[in-house]
Protein backbone atom coordinates (compact mmCIF):
# COMPACT_ATOMS: atom_id res chain seq x y z
CA MET A 1 -0.11 0.23 -0.37
CA SER A 2 1.25 3.28 -1.01
CA LYS A 3 1.28 6.59 1.00
CA SER A 4 1.05 10.23 -0.10
CA CYS A 5 3.84 12.36 1.39
CA CYS A 6 1.46 14.70 2.46
CA SER A 7 -2.21 15.49 3.41
CA GLU A 8 -4.11 18.15 2.18
CA ALA A 9 -3.57 20.33 5.08
CA GLY A 10 0.08 19.81 4.43
CA GLN A 11 0.77 17.97 7.43
CA MET A 12 3.44 15.25 7.16
CA PRO A 13 2.46 11.74 8.38
CA THR A 14 3.47 10.24 11.54
CA GLY A 15 5.14 7.08 11.72
CA GLU A 16 7.17 6.38 8.66
CA ALA A 17 10.25 7.28 6.99
CA ILE A 18 10.40 9.84 4.03
CA ASN A 19 13.31 10.77 2.17
CA MET A 20 13.04 14.07 2.61
CA ALA A 21 15.26 15.72 -0.17
CA SER A 22 13.00 14.06 -2.91
CA LEU A 23 10.33 15.51 -1.51
CA VAL A 24 11.10 19.37 -3.85
CA ASP A 25 12.49 19.30 -7.00
CA TYR A 26 15.39 22.10 -8.37
CA ALA A 27 13.56 24.43 -11.29
CA SER A 28 16.18 26.54 -13.29
CA GLY A 29 16.91 30.01 -12.01
CA SER A 30 14.60 29.59 -9.14
CA VAL A 31 14.20 28.61 -5.17
CA VAL A 32 11.75 25.98 -4.56
CA SER A 33 10.12 25.75 -1.19
CA ARG A 34 7.73 23.25 -0.11
CA THR A 35 6.00 24.02 3.43
CA LEU A 36 5.52 20.77 4.90
CA VAL A 37 4.16 21.49 8.66
CA LYS A 38 2.93 24.83 9.72
CA ASN A 39 1.35 25.05 13.09
CA ASP A 40 1.40 27.18 16.43
CA ALA A 41 4.64 25.83 17.28
CA GLY A 42 6.18 26.93 13.71
CA THR A 43 6.55 25.80 10.45
CA ILE A 44 8.89 23.00 8.35
CA THR A 45 9.66 24.02 4.97
CA LEU A 46 12.23 22.64 1.77
CA PHE A 47 13.61 24.23 0.17
CA ALA A 48 15.71 23.73 -3.47
CA PHE A 49 17.79 26.60 -4.59
CA ASP A 50 19.39 26.40 -8.11
CA ILE A 51 23.24 27.91 -8.83
CA GLY A 52 23.63 31.49 -8.24
CA GLN A 53 19.85 32.19 -6.39
CA GLY A 54 19.40 32.82 -2.62
CA LEU A 55 17.28 34.58 0.26
CA SER A 56 18.28 38.22 0.43
CA GLU A 57 19.16 39.45 4.03
CA HIS A 58 16.00 39.95 6.44
CA SER A 59 15.24 38.04 10.01
CA ALA A 60 12.55 36.55 12.06
CA PRO A 61 11.29 36.88 15.05
CA PHE A 62 12.11 33.46 16.53
CA ASP A 63 15.02 30.69 15.76
CA ALA A 64 15.57 29.18 12.77
CA ILE A 65 17.45 25.78 12.01
CA VAL A 66 18.56 25.10 8.75
CA TYR A 67 19.93 21.29 7.56
CA ILE A 68 21.85 20.83 4.05
CA LEU A 69 19.96 17.90 2.56
CA GLU A 70 22.60 17.98 -0.11
CA GLY A 71 24.95 20.17 -2.23
CA GLN A 72 26.54 23.30 -0.50
CA ALA A 73 25.36 26.44 1.01
CA GLU A 74 26.70 29.86 2.36
CA LEU A 75 24.44 31.36 4.62
CA ILE A 76 25.41 35.04 5.81
CA ILE A 77 24.04 35.37 9.76
CA GLY A 78 24.81 39.22 11.37
CA GLY A 79 27.26 39.89 8.50
CA GLU A 80 29.17 36.61 8.75
CA THR A 81 29.59 33.51 6.46
CA VAL A 82 29.25 30.31 7.40
CA LYS A 83 29.92 27.74 4.59
CA THR A 84 28.15 24.53 4.44
CA THR A 85 27.61 21.03 3.23
CA THR A 86 25.53 18.40 3.24
CA GLY A 87 24.50 16.77 6.48
CA GLN A 88 25.12 20.06 8.60
CA LEU A 89 22.85 21.95 10.72
CA VAL A 90 23.30 25.91 11.73
CA ILE A 91 20.66 27.59 14.41
CA MET A 92 20.37 31.32 13.04
CA PRO A 93 19.32 32.74 16.12
CA ALA A 94 15.82 35.06 16.36
CA ASP A 95 15.99 38.84 15.12
CA VAL A 96 19.42 38.76 13.62
CA PRO A 97 19.93 39.70 10.35
CA HIS A 98 20.33 36.47 7.82
CA ALA A 99 21.17 35.40 4.22
CA VAL A 100 21.10 32.60 2.27
CA LYS A 101 23.41 32.01 -1.48
CA ALA A 102 23.64 29.20 -3.54
CA PRO A 103 26.92 28.63 -4.73
CA GLY A 104 25.94 25.42 -6.34
CA ARG A 105 22.33 23.65 -6.53
CA PHE A 106 21.41 22.76 -3.35
CA LYS A 107 18.57 22.00 -0.80
CA MET A 108 17.71 22.40 2.67
CA LEU A 109 14.91 21.56 5.66
CA LEU A 110 14.51 24.83 7.23
CA THR A 111 12.28 24.38 10.39
CA MET A 112 11.69 27.89 12.47
CA LEU A 113 10.68 27.52 16.02
CA ARG A 114 7.98 29.91 17.15
CA ALA A 115 8.74 30.64 21.03
CA LYS A 116 5.59 30.76 23.19
């Protein structure tokens, strides 16, 4: 029996293993995102960045956890560059400006934690 990845509400199924990188595809010249979970506690979103793409500097009022699923990324956090590669995790603190750059194609899982 085959199960779908996500329910219509975008929630992930519980109690099963999922290949996260396969849930979002690259698109030429684009950043593709797919929200997997969104609730009062936060969000979990997958991103696929094509080479040369990125997210401009911004800040968020809560901590963000970036996990690199494949490839390499550059995160600029508070003016400092953090180079990351597959399997690495970086915590971006709340209210600190940050940006994302793709020196090559990469995929990341972004978990935003909302404080109560």
